[in-house]
Amino acid sequence: MNIYVGNLPREVTETELLEAFQAFGEVASAKIITDKLSGESRGFAFVEMPTDDEAEKAITGLNETDMKGGTLNVNKARPRPDRD
């Protein structure tokens, strides 16, 4: 399952994000989205977890929790809309 993580403080690293989700199960990837020009975090990330049950537990366990001063918004990612 692909998981959206919003309201992510800019100080959070991909390693820290990965470790937070690994508490709930196997994580295939954790990618913080960065600005193409500055390279700084855009304040959100995507985490891929292969097991839906573990992903649901991570969403429930991490949504609205504090990470480095920011209250995380964690939910199932919506598919990207097709671009023409």
Protein backbone atom coordinates (compact mmCIF):
# COMPACT_ATOMS: atom_id res chain seq x y z
CA MET A 1 0.00 0.00 0.00
CA ASN A 2 1.19 3.49 -0.81
CA ILE A 3 0.79 5.87 2.15
CA TYR A 4 0.72 9.68 2.07
CA VAL A 5 2.39 11.51 4.97
CA GLY A 6 1.53 15.21 5.15
CA ASN A 7 2.44 18.08 7.46
CA LEU A 8 5.93 16.62 7.69
CA PRO A 9 8.42 18.98 9.39
CA ARG A 10 11.32 19.90 7.11
CA GLU A 11 13.85 18.59 9.67
CA VAL A 12 12.61 14.99 9.40
CA THR A 13 14.94 12.70 7.43
CA GLU A 14 13.98 9.70 5.31
CA THR A 15 15.75 7.48 7.86
CA GLU A 16 13.60 8.84 10.70
CA LEU A 17 10.46 8.42 8.62
CA LEU A 18 11.45 4.85 7.72
CA GLU A 19 12.10 3.98 11.37
CA ALA A 20 8.70 5.37 12.46
CA PHE A 21 6.88 3.16 9.94
CA GLN A 22 9.06 0.09 10.59
CA ALA A 23 7.57 -0.03 14.09
CA PHE A 24 4.40 -1.30 12.35
CA GLY A 25 5.95 -3.72 9.87
CA GLU A 26 7.97 -4.07 6.67
CA VAL A 27 8.63 -0.89 4.69
CA ALA A 28 9.52 -1.16 1.00
CA SER A 29 10.40 2.54 0.62
CA ALA A 30 10.12 5.95 2.27
CA LYS A 31 10.53 9.00 0.03
CA ILE A 32 10.36 12.61 1.18
CA ILE A 33 9.30 14.84 -1.71
CA THR A 34 11.75 17.70 -2.27
CA ASP A 35 11.72 20.93 -4.24
CA LYS A 36 13.53 20.46 -7.55
CA LEU A 37 15.41 23.75 -7.31
CA SER A 38 16.30 24.07 -3.63
CA GLY A 39 16.37 20.38 -2.69
CA GLU A 40 14.45 21.18 0.52
CA SER A 41 11.55 19.08 1.77
CA ARG A 42 8.14 20.12 0.48
CA GLY A 43 6.57 18.91 3.73
CA PHE A 44 5.17 15.59 2.57
CA ALA A 45 6.29 12.07 1.79
CA PHE A 46 5.17 8.70 0.49
CA VAL A 47 5.81 5.40 2.25
CA GLU A 48 5.28 2.03 0.57
CA MET A 49 4.37 -0.95 2.75
CA PRO A 50 3.84 -4.33 1.04
CA THR A 51 1.34 -5.68 3.60
CA ASP A 52 -2.03 -3.88 3.71
CA ASP A 53 -2.71 -4.97 7.30
CA GLU A 54 0.60 -3.50 8.51
CA ALA A 55 0.00 -0.36 6.44
CA GLU A 56 -3.44 0.15 8.02
CA LYS A 57 -1.89 -0.25 11.48
CA ALA A 58 0.79 2.33 10.60
CA ILE A 59 -1.86 4.78 9.34
CA THR A 60 -3.91 4.36 12.52
CA GLY A 61 -0.84 4.47 14.76
CA LEU A 62 0.89 7.48 13.21
CA ASN A 63 -1.98 9.72 12.03
CA GLU A 64 -2.23 12.89 14.15
CA THR A 65 0.92 12.05 16.11
CA ASP A 66 3.75 14.50 16.76
CA MET A 67 7.04 14.23 14.89
CA LYS A 68 9.59 16.97 15.56
CA GLY A 69 6.88 19.52 16.35
CA GLY A 70 4.50 18.73 13.48
CA THR A 71 1.23 16.80 13.73
CA LEU A 72 1.38 14.20 10.96
CA ASN A 73 -1.46 13.66 8.50
CA VAL A 74 -1.17 9.99 7.47
CA ASN A 75 -3.58 8.24 5.10
CA LYS A 76 -3.79 5.93 2.10
CA ALA A 77 -2.38 7.72 -0.93
CA ARG A 78 -4.76 8.47 -3.77
CA PRO A 79 -3.66 7.47 -7.26
CA ARG A 80 -2.09 10.23 -9.33
CA PRO A 81 -4.50 11.72 -11.82
CA ASP A 82 -3.68 11.10 -15.47
CA ARG A 83 -2.00 14.08 -17.08
CA ASP A 84 -2.80 14.90 -20.68
